[in-house]
Protein backbone atom coordinates (compact mmCIF):
# COMPACT_ATOMS: atom_id res chain seq x y z
CA MET A 1 -25.20 60.65 57.08
CA ASN A 2 -27.12 60.14 60.30
CA GLY A 3 -25.68 56.74 61.15
CA PHE A 4 -25.55 55.35 57.61
CA SER A 5 -22.57 53.17 56.77
CA PHE A 6 -21.94 50.72 53.97
CA PRO A 7 -18.86 48.53 54.56
CA ALA A 8 -19.29 46.24 51.54
CA ARG A 9 -17.00 46.69 48.56
CA LEU A 10 -17.96 46.29 44.92
CA SER A 11 -14.85 44.14 44.43
CA ASP A 12 -16.42 41.53 46.76
CA ARG A 13 -19.34 41.00 44.37
CA HIS A 14 -19.48 37.41 43.13
CA LYS A 15 -19.32 36.71 39.43
CA GLY A 16 -22.78 36.49 37.87
CA VAL A 17 -24.47 38.64 40.55
CA THR A 18 -25.95 41.88 39.23
CA ILE A 19 -24.94 45.15 40.85
CA VAL A 20 -28.56 45.82 41.82
CA SER A 21 -28.87 42.45 43.59
CA TRP A 22 -25.49 42.90 45.29
CA LEU A 23 -26.42 46.33 46.61
CA THR A 24 -29.96 45.32 47.63
CA ASP A 25 -28.80 42.19 49.48
CA ASN A 26 -26.13 44.10 51.37
CA LEU A 27 -28.44 46.95 52.37
CA ARG A 28 -31.14 44.47 53.43
CA ASN A 29 -28.59 42.60 55.51
CA GLN A 30 -27.50 45.85 57.21
CA ILE A 31 -31.13 46.48 58.22
CA THR A 32 -32.09 42.96 59.34
CA THR A 33 -28.98 42.61 61.49
CA GLY A 34 -29.66 45.93 63.22
CA ARG A 35 -26.60 47.77 61.92
CA LEU A 36 -28.95 50.28 60.28
CA ILE A 37 -31.65 51.07 62.83
CA PRO A 38 -35.17 52.40 62.15
CA GLY A 39 -35.06 56.06 61.21
CA THR A 40 -31.58 55.94 59.68
CA VAL A 41 -31.48 58.30 56.69
CA PHE A 42 -30.11 56.83 53.48
CA PRO A 43 -27.87 59.01 51.31
CA ALA A 44 -29.20 60.50 48.11
CA THR A 45 -29.06 58.06 45.20
CA ARG A 46 -26.57 60.24 43.27
CA LEU A 47 -24.25 60.50 46.29
CA LEU A 48 -24.21 56.77 47.06
CA ALA A 49 -23.71 55.94 43.38
CA SER A 50 -20.71 58.27 43.28
CA GLU A 51 -19.19 56.77 46.44
CA LEU A 52 -19.60 53.19 45.20
CA GLY A 53 -18.61 53.89 41.61
CA ILE A 54 -21.85 52.54 40.13
CA SER A 55 -24.69 54.04 38.10
CA ARG A 56 -27.40 56.07 39.79
CA SER A 57 -30.08 53.88 38.17
CA SER A 58 -28.69 50.83 40.04
CA VAL A 59 -29.09 52.67 43.35
CA VAL A 60 -32.59 53.82 42.41
CA GLN A 61 -33.65 50.24 41.56
CA SER A 62 -32.18 48.96 44.83
CA TYR A 63 -33.94 51.62 46.92
CA ASP A 64 -37.24 50.95 45.12
CA GLN A 65 -36.94 47.22 45.82
CA LEU A 66 -36.32 47.84 49.54
CA VAL A 67 -39.32 50.19 49.65
CA ALA A 68 -41.47 47.50 48.01
CA GLU A 69 -40.31 44.94 50.59
CA GLY A 70 -41.06 47.32 53.47
CA TYR A 71 -37.49 47.96 54.64
CA LEU A 72 -37.40 51.61 53.54
CA SER A 73 -39.98 54.36 53.55
CA ALA A 74 -40.00 57.60 51.60
CA ARG A 75 -42.31 60.51 51.12
CA GLN A 76 -42.43 62.90 48.19
CA GLY A 77 -39.49 65.28 48.47
CA SER A 78 -37.93 63.61 51.52
CA ALA A 79 -35.04 61.21 52.01
CA PHE A 80 -35.28 57.43 52.21
CA ARG A 81 -35.28 56.14 55.78
CA VAL A 82 -35.18 52.70 57.38
CA SER A 83 -38.80 51.91 58.12
CA GLU A 84 -40.00 51.89 61.71
CA LEU A 85 -41.39 48.45 60.92
CA GLY A 86 -38.23 47.29 59.20
CA LEU A 87 -37.30 44.99 62.07
CA ALA A 88 -40.81 44.26 63.30
CA ASP A 89 -41.83 42.88 59.91
CA TYR A 90 -38.85 40.52 59.86
CA PRO A 91 -38.30 39.30 63.42
CA GLU A 92 -35.33 37.23 64.49
CA TYR A 93 -37.04 33.89 64.00
CA LEU A 94 -37.53 34.67 60.29
CA LYS A 95 -33.82 35.13 59.69
CA PRO A 96 -31.85 32.11 58.46
CA LYS A 97 -29.25 32.42 61.22
CA LYS A 98 -30.86 29.56 63.11
CA SER A 99 -32.48 26.64 61.38
CA PHE A 100 -34.04 23.33 62.23
CA ALA A 101 -32.26 20.42 60.57
CA LEU A 102 -33.50 16.85 60.39
CA ASN A 103 -31.08 14.32 61.75
CA ALA A 104 -30.91 10.70 60.62
CA ASP A 105 -33.72 9.75 63.00
CA GLY A 106 -36.07 12.35 61.56
CA ASN A 107 -35.84 14.52 64.68
CA GLN A 108 -35.17 18.25 64.66
CA GLU A 109 -32.07 19.98 65.96
CA LEU A 110 -31.68 23.76 66.24
CA LEU A 111 -28.56 24.90 64.39
CA LYS A 112 -27.14 28.31 63.58
CA LEU A 113 -27.07 27.88 59.80
CA SER A 114 -28.60 25.39 57.44
CA LEU A 115 -27.98 23.73 54.11
CA VAL A 116 -31.16 21.70 54.62
CA PRO A 117 -33.26 21.60 51.42
CA GLY A 118 -36.68 23.15 50.90
CA GLN A 119 -36.20 26.21 53.11
CA PRO A 120 -37.43 29.48 51.53
CA ASP A 121 -35.93 32.85 52.41
CA GLN A 122 -38.66 34.32 54.59
CA ARG A 123 -36.94 37.70 54.53
CA LEU A 124 -38.28 38.06 50.98
CA PHE A 125 -41.88 37.50 52.02
CA PRO A 126 -44.02 40.65 51.45
CA ALA A 127 -45.29 40.84 55.01
CA ARG A 128 -47.14 44.11 54.50
CA LYS A 129 -49.03 42.80 51.47
CA TRP A 130 -49.99 39.74 53.50
CA GLY A 131 -51.09 42.02 56.34
CA MET A 132 -53.28 43.95 53.92
CA ALA A 133 -54.92 40.70 52.79
CA VAL A 134 -55.60 39.70 56.40
CA SER A 135 -56.96 43.18 57.12
CA ARG A 136 -59.36 43.03 54.15
CA VAL A 137 -60.67 39.66 55.27
CA ALA A 138 -61.04 40.80 58.89
CA ARG A 139 -62.98 43.87 57.73
CA LEU A 140 -65.18 42.33 55.03
CA SER A 141 -65.68 38.69 56.07
CA PRO A 142 -64.42 38.18 59.64
CA ASP A 143 -66.38 34.96 60.14
CA SER A 144 -64.22 33.24 57.50
CA LEU A 145 -61.24 33.53 59.87
CA LEU A 146 -63.00 31.38 62.45
CA TYR A 147 -65.53 29.17 60.70
CA GLY A 148 -65.09 26.94 57.69
CA GLU A 149 -68.18 26.69 55.51
CA ASP A 150 -66.91 23.73 53.46
CA PRO A 151 -64.86 20.68 54.61
CA PHE A 152 -62.96 20.92 51.32
CA GLY A 153 -61.69 24.38 52.29
CA ASP A 154 -62.42 28.06 51.80
CA PRO A 155 -64.13 28.70 48.44
CA VAL A 156 -62.16 31.89 47.74
CA LEU A 157 -58.89 30.04 48.20
CA ARG A 158 -60.02 27.08 46.11
CA ASN A 159 -61.05 29.36 43.23
CA ALA A 160 -57.69 31.14 43.47
CA ILE A 161 -55.90 27.77 43.31
CA VAL A 162 -57.84 26.87 40.16
CA GLU A 163 -56.67 30.10 38.49
CA HIS A 164 -53.12 29.54 39.73
CA LEU A 165 -52.96 26.03 38.27
CA ALA A 166 -54.33 27.21 34.94
CA GLU A 167 -51.79 30.02 34.65
CA TRP A 168 -48.70 28.36 36.11
CA ARG A 169 -49.14 24.64 35.43
CA GLY A 170 -51.44 24.52 32.42
CA VAL A 171 -53.96 22.43 34.36
CA ASP A 172 -57.69 22.85 33.67
CA VAL A 173 -59.73 21.87 36.74
CA VAL A 174 -62.79 23.15 38.61
CA SER A 175 -62.96 24.27 42.23
CA GLU A 176 -65.08 21.22 43.17
CA GLN A 177 -61.95 19.10 42.60
CA VAL A 178 -59.76 21.17 44.93
CA LEU A 179 -59.34 20.15 48.57
CA VAL A 180 -57.34 22.36 50.92
CA SER A 181 -54.93 20.31 53.03
CA ALA A 182 -52.29 20.82 55.69
CA GLY A 183 -49.55 20.31 53.09
CA SER A 184 -48.13 17.56 50.89
CA ALA A 185 -47.59 15.11 53.74
CA ASP A 186 -51.22 15.48 54.83
CA GLY A 187 -52.36 15.00 51.24
CA LEU A 188 -50.34 11.80 50.90
CA GLN A 189 -51.77 10.45 54.14
CA LEU A 190 -55.31 11.25 53.03
CA CYS A 191 -54.78 9.46 49.71
CA ILE A 192 -53.57 6.36 51.53
CA GLU A 193 -56.63 6.46 53.80
CA MET A 194 -59.09 6.99 50.97
CA LEU A 195 -57.68 4.71 48.30
CA GLY A 196 -56.19 1.99 50.45
CA ALA A 197 -56.94 -1.62 49.57
CA ASP A 198 -56.34 -4.85 51.43
CA PRO A 199 -53.54 -5.68 51.02
CA MET A 200 -52.18 -2.18 50.42
CA MET A 201 -48.97 -1.65 48.47
CA LEU A 202 -47.26 1.66 47.72
CA GLY A 203 -44.87 2.26 44.86
CA LEU A 204 -42.26 4.71 46.16
CA GLU A 205 -39.31 6.32 44.44
CA ASN A 206 -35.88 5.09 45.51
CA PRO A 207 -34.15 7.31 46.39
CA GLY A 208 -37.13 9.25 47.63
CA TYR A 209 -38.88 11.25 50.30
CA ILE A 210 -37.85 10.03 53.77
CA GLY A 211 -41.00 11.22 55.56
CA LEU A 212 -43.32 9.21 53.32
CA ARG A 213 -41.23 6.09 53.76
CA ARG A 214 -41.36 6.47 57.55
CA HIS A 215 -45.12 7.02 57.46
CA ALA A 216 -45.64 3.88 55.36
CA GLU A 217 -43.46 1.90 57.76
CA ARG A 218 -45.52 3.06 60.74
CA LEU A 219 -48.67 1.84 58.97
CA ASN A 220 -46.98 -1.49 58.13
CA LEU A 221 -47.70 -0.99 54.43
CA LYS A 222 -46.00 -3.06 51.77
CA MET A 223 -43.71 -1.04 49.53
CA GLN A 224 -42.28 -1.59 46.09
CA TRP A 225 -39.18 0.50 45.47
CA LEU A 226 -39.06 2.27 42.11
CA SER A 227 -35.54 2.96 40.91
CA ARG A 228 -34.51 5.69 38.49
CA ASP A 229 -32.94 5.73 35.04
CA GLU A 230 -32.16 8.42 32.48
CA CYS A 231 -35.89 8.86 31.71
CA GLY A 232 -37.03 9.21 35.31
CA THR A 233 -38.66 6.86 37.79
CA VAL A 234 -38.89 3.30 36.46
CA LEU A 235 -42.33 1.68 36.20
CA PRO A 236 -43.35 -1.02 38.71
CA ALA A 237 -42.00 -4.45 37.81
CA ASN A 238 -44.29 -6.68 35.77
CA GLY A 239 -46.05 -9.34 37.81
CA ALA A 240 -49.17 -10.24 39.72
CA SER A 241 -48.37 -7.91 42.63
CA GLN A 242 -48.80 -4.30 41.54
CA PRO A 243 -48.91 -1.17 43.75
CA ASN A 244 -52.30 0.35 44.50
CA LEU A 245 -50.68 3.80 44.55
CA VAL A 246 -47.46 5.16 43.12
CA VAL A 247 -46.09 8.43 44.48
CA LEU A 248 -44.03 10.39 41.94
CA THR A 249 -42.18 13.70 41.71
CA PRO A 250 -42.18 13.99 37.89
CA SER A 251 -41.45 17.71 37.52
CA ASN A 252 -38.37 17.61 39.75
CA HIS A 253 -37.27 14.27 41.17
CA TYR A 254 -36.70 14.33 44.90
CA PRO A 255 -33.91 14.22 45.91
CA LEU A 256 -31.73 13.86 42.79
CA GLY A 257 -33.42 16.50 40.64
CA GLY A 258 -34.36 16.41 36.98
CA ALA A 259 -37.69 15.99 35.21
CA MET A 260 -39.34 12.79 34.04
CA THR A 261 -39.51 12.53 30.25
CA LEU A 262 -42.85 12.98 28.52
CA ASN A 263 -42.78 9.39 27.25
CA ARG A 264 -42.23 8.00 30.75
CA ARG A 265 -45.14 10.08 32.06
CA LEU A 266 -47.39 8.64 29.38
CA GLU A 267 -46.16 5.15 30.26
CA TYR A 268 -47.25 5.70 33.85
CA ILE A 269 -50.67 6.93 32.73
CA ASN A 270 -51.03 3.78 30.63
CA TRP A 271 -49.90 1.71 33.62
CA SER A 272 -52.64 3.21 35.79
CA ARG A 273 -55.28 2.42 33.18
CA GLU A 274 -54.12 -1.17 32.70
CA THR A 275 -53.64 -2.06 36.38
CA GLY A 276 -56.29 0.13 38.05
CA GLY A 277 -53.58 1.81 40.13
CA TRP A 278 -53.54 5.46 41.14
CA ILE A 279 -50.83 8.06 40.56
CA ILE A 280 -50.04 10.68 43.19
CA GLU A 281 -48.16 13.59 41.61
CA ASP A 282 -46.22 15.48 44.28
CA ASP A 283 -45.51 18.85 42.64
CA TYR A 284 -43.66 20.21 45.63
CA ASP A 285 -41.53 23.06 44.15
CA SER A 286 -42.43 23.37 40.47
CA GLU A 287 -42.64 27.18 40.78
CA TYR A 288 -38.84 27.33 40.78
CA ARG A 289 -37.72 26.42 37.30
CA PHE A 290 -34.92 28.72 36.17
CA ALA A 291 -34.43 27.86 32.50
CA GLY A 292 -36.60 26.71 29.63
CA HIS A 293 -40.35 26.33 29.56
CA PRO A 294 -42.36 24.95 32.53
CA ILE A 295 -42.69 21.17 32.61
CA PRO A 296 -46.37 20.19 32.09
CA ALA A 297 -48.01 18.66 35.15
CA MET A 298 -48.78 14.97 34.74
CA ILE A 299 -52.41 15.52 35.76
CA GLY A 300 -52.82 17.67 32.65
CA LEU A 301 -51.75 14.72 30.47
CA ASP A 302 -53.98 12.17 32.19
CA ASP A 303 -57.18 11.70 30.20
CA GLN A 304 -58.01 8.66 32.36
CA GLY A 305 -58.62 10.67 35.54
CA ARG A 306 -56.34 8.50 37.67
CA THR A 307 -53.86 11.15 38.87
CA ILE A 308 -54.15 13.04 42.14
CA TYR A 309 -52.16 16.27 42.22
CA LEU A 310 -50.54 17.58 45.42
CA GLY A 311 -49.35 21.18 45.88
CA THR A 312 -48.04 23.15 48.83
CA PHE A 313 -47.47 26.75 49.89
CA SER A 314 -44.72 25.85 52.38
CA LYS A 315 -41.95 26.00 49.75
CA THR A 316 -42.91 29.43 48.45
CA ILE A 317 -43.86 31.11 51.75
CA SER A 318 -42.84 29.28 54.93
CA THR A 319 -42.27 25.73 56.11
CA ASP A 320 -44.29 26.71 59.20
CA LEU A 321 -47.36 27.42 57.06
CA ARG A 322 -49.23 24.12 57.13
CA LEU A 323 -51.24 24.86 54.04
CA GLY A 324 -51.44 22.95 50.77
CA PHE A 325 -53.98 21.53 48.36
CA MET A 326 -55.00 18.49 46.37
CA VAL A 327 -56.69 18.16 43.00
CA ILE A 328 -58.92 15.10 43.01
CA PRO A 329 -60.26 13.37 39.88
CA ILE A 330 -63.96 14.03 39.32
CA SER A 331 -64.67 10.32 39.82
CA LEU A 332 -63.37 10.48 43.41
CA VAL A 333 -64.95 13.73 44.60
CA ASN A 334 -68.08 12.11 46.05
CA GLN A 335 -66.02 9.43 47.79
CA PHE A 336 -63.84 12.08 49.46
CA ARG A 337 -66.89 14.20 50.31
CA LYS A 338 -68.54 11.34 52.18
CA LYS A 339 -65.56 10.78 54.45
CA ILE A 340 -64.29 14.32 55.03
CA THR A 341 -66.51 16.16 57.49
CA ALA A 342 -64.20 18.96 58.64
CA SER A 343 -61.38 21.07 57.23
CA ARG A 344 -57.99 19.35 57.15
CA THR A 345 -56.18 22.48 58.35
CA SER A 346 -56.84 25.67 60.30
CA VAL A 347 -59.24 28.02 58.54
CA ILE A 348 -57.59 31.18 59.83
CA ALA A 349 -55.04 31.40 56.99
CA GLN A 350 -57.24 30.10 54.18
CA ARG A 351 -59.29 33.17 53.20
CA PRO A 352 -56.29 35.55 53.59
CA MET A 353 -54.28 33.24 51.32
CA GLY A 354 -57.09 33.35 48.78
CA GLU A 355 -57.16 37.16 48.90
CA PHE A 356 -53.36 37.28 48.70
CA MET A 357 -53.49 35.21 45.51
CA ARG A 358 -56.49 37.01 44.03
CA ALA A 359 -54.74 40.38 44.41
CA GLY A 360 -51.77 39.05 42.43
CA ASP A 361 -49.37 39.38 45.37
CA TYR A 362 -48.61 35.65 45.52
CA HIS A 363 -47.55 35.54 41.88
CA ARG A 364 -45.47 38.69 42.29
CA HIS A 365 -43.81 37.05 45.31
CA ILE A 366 -42.99 33.91 43.30
CA ARG A 367 -41.51 35.94 40.45
CA ARG A 368 -39.38 37.99 42.84
CA THR A 369 -38.10 34.98 44.78
CA ARG A 370 -37.44 33.12 41.56
CA ARG A 371 -35.10 35.91 40.44
CA HIS A 372 -33.26 35.82 43.77
CA TYR A 373 -33.08 32.03 43.90
CA ALA A 374 -31.77 31.82 40.33
CA GLU A 375 -28.85 34.09 41.28
CA ARG A 376 -28.21 32.06 44.42
CA ARG A 377 -28.30 28.78 42.54
CA ASP A 378 -25.80 30.14 40.02
CA ALA A 379 -23.53 31.26 42.85
CA LEU A 380 -23.82 27.86 44.57
CA GLU A 381 -23.08 25.90 41.40
CA LEU A 382 -20.12 28.15 40.66
CA ARG A 383 -18.62 27.35 44.07
CA LEU A 384 -19.42 23.64 43.82
CA ASN A 385 -17.79 23.45 40.37
CA GLU A 386 -14.58 24.64 41.98
CA MET A 387 -14.49 21.57 44.26
CA ASP A 388 -12.75 18.58 42.71
CA ASP A 389 -14.33 16.14 45.17
CA LEU A 390 -17.88 16.70 43.92
CA THR A 391 -20.07 16.03 40.89
CA PHE A 392 -23.70 16.98 40.33
CA ALA A 393 -26.16 14.11 40.61
CA THR A 394 -28.23 15.63 37.79
CA PRO A 395 -26.22 18.22 35.83
CA HIS A 396 -28.09 21.21 34.34
CA ALA A 397 -31.32 20.43 36.20
CA ASN A 398 -32.12 24.17 36.58
CA THR A 399 -35.08 23.37 38.80
CA GLY A 400 -35.91 23.25 42.47
CA MET A 401 -34.75 24.57 45.82
CA GLN A 402 -31.89 22.14 46.35
CA VAL A 403 -28.92 20.62 44.55
CA ALA A 404 -27.81 17.00 44.97
CA VAL A 405 -24.04 16.46 44.81
CA LEU A 406 -22.10 13.20 44.82
CA LEU A 407 -18.83 12.66 46.67
CA ASN A 408 -16.30 11.44 44.13
CA ARG A 409 -14.03 9.81 46.68
CA GLN A 410 -16.90 8.06 48.44
CA GLN A 411 -16.27 9.85 51.69
CA ASN A 412 -18.75 9.05 54.42
CA ASP A 413 -21.48 11.65 53.89
CA LYS A 414 -22.79 11.17 57.43
CA LEU A 415 -19.34 11.99 58.79
CA ILE A 416 -19.25 15.19 56.74
CA VAL A 417 -22.71 16.12 58.05
CA GLU A 418 -21.44 15.62 61.60
CA LYS A 419 -18.45 17.86 60.92
CA LEU A 420 -20.76 20.54 59.54
CA LYS A 421 -22.95 20.19 62.61
CA GLU A 422 -19.94 20.88 64.81
CA GLN A 423 -19.73 24.25 63.07
CA GLY A 424 -23.44 24.88 63.64
CA ILE A 425 -24.47 24.06 60.06
CA GLY A 426 -27.37 21.70 59.39
CA ALA A 427 -27.10 19.41 56.38
CA VAL A 428 -28.67 16.22 55.00
CA PRO A 429 -26.67 13.18 53.78
CA LEU A 430 -27.82 11.89 50.40
CA SER A 431 -27.38 8.26 51.49
CA ASP A 432 -30.36 8.62 53.86
CA PHE A 433 -32.71 8.78 50.87
CA PHE A 434 -31.73 5.35 49.51
CA VAL A 435 -33.28 2.02 50.49
CA ASN A 436 -32.39 -1.64 49.82
CA GLU A 437 -29.37 -0.96 47.66
CA LYS A 438 -25.87 0.38 47.94
CA SER A 439 -26.34 3.96 49.06
CA THR A 440 -24.82 6.81 47.12
CA SER A 441 -22.63 9.09 49.20
CA GLY A 442 -23.35 12.78 48.77
CA LEU A 443 -25.28 15.73 50.14
CA LEU A 444 -28.58 17.39 49.32
CA ILE A 445 -27.84 21.11 49.58
CA GLY A 446 -30.54 23.71 50.09
CA TYR A 447 -29.58 27.24 49.08
CA CYS A 448 -32.68 29.43 48.87
CA ALA A 449 -32.63 30.70 52.45
CA HIS A 450 -29.26 32.42 52.04
CA THR A 451 -27.94 35.39 50.11
CA VAL A 452 -25.11 35.01 47.62
CA GLU A 453 -22.67 36.28 50.25
CA GLU A 454 -23.95 33.84 52.87
CA ILE A 455 -23.70 30.98 50.37
CA GLY A 456 -20.05 31.89 49.77
CA ASP A 457 -19.31 31.69 53.51
CA LEU A 458 -21.15 28.38 53.84
CA MET A 459 -19.31 26.84 50.90
CA MET A 460 -15.95 27.79 52.42
CA LYS A 461 -16.87 25.88 55.57
CA PHE A 462 -18.26 23.02 53.52
CA GLN A 463 -15.00 22.77 51.57
CA ASP A 464 -13.03 22.72 54.83
CA CYS A 465 -15.14 19.81 56.07
CA LEU A 466 -14.54 17.91 52.81
CA ARG A 467 -10.82 18.46 53.15
CA ASP A 468 -10.79 17.31 56.79
CA SER A 469 -12.70 14.13 55.96
CA GLN A 470 -10.13 12.84 53.44
């Protein structure tokens, strides 16, 4: 069949993985690793179905998905072939065979594989659809790729963000409130600059985001650590000294997972009204909720206008895309306008991103990745449930791009991370996220960047490291 081979066996399919996903993932892997080169003719759907012992409709769905992603091409009446752009669209640096992992000092190390959280699978990105968006912008409004007409960001992108928030997060805002940023970290820094008081105190979740803690330390800011209970992040302690800003991850606590209860959210809104403090809602991966209805964004509950909402595109598209956004209360827009005189991030990706969203391709991408990530999360949890040494930090969270697990025997999580590193696997110890209290030993495991089969291989190595550390 002109170089076509398919070594995978149906018996190797993991429980809970659909036949279509199993076949699609394996064929995609054959193409991205170069085992099926451009021009390779795929067998007829009926023939491959017969050889594999599956239905023809499963093969048809798999082929159609690979055509949609740009891996296969087909013309009316001709066979499916590996696209000439199949490898060019997904170069080596987009494959999750090498990943940057943060070590304990916050520095990056290049490793072969990664369990680091927050890494999307860039192989799923619809590169051709993105290219079409860039092409439209270059043809119709080329100046927008080079010049920013508004310090708050490209108007097309800001309008698209407004529609996105209304549809996906139930948030009713206007484009004048939207400020395009270089991502969540940039948005947090800007909030500190704009709303800082003297003395400045931040209320930060503990455990919580390491990067924000390091940034606050560099600025010599006072910090009040906000612990967590069964309802979510605990309110600042009563007293004369109250934070000027609290930074929360209410839709999916980082790093432990789980959503803040509605009552606790309302308590925080009341706190902001009574103390004059501000709430920063970091909604970093709310697109990936795999069960139940979406959790309402806190900004949609805040009738006091004291919540600033932060969103990012890095979790859905690429961690290298320094593009995010903020939603600012109407009362603060003029204050931000006076101090911001230039765009916070490069303009070259802003209009294409707006066109990408306006055409519906961004939402289609989220829906497709959500299906894949749900299968991968199920596969990961199935493997983790088989390990006696682990428990889930927040069982049945069903949200987010990572899973926090606790080590039952209190093994040294940093030692396990070092053992994984020796095998070329990047990982993050859970204890690094804790401050000023006895740290909890565990790992924060990212899974989205890997197929079900790759997750199985990684979990075997992870289990070996657990066994060796006892």
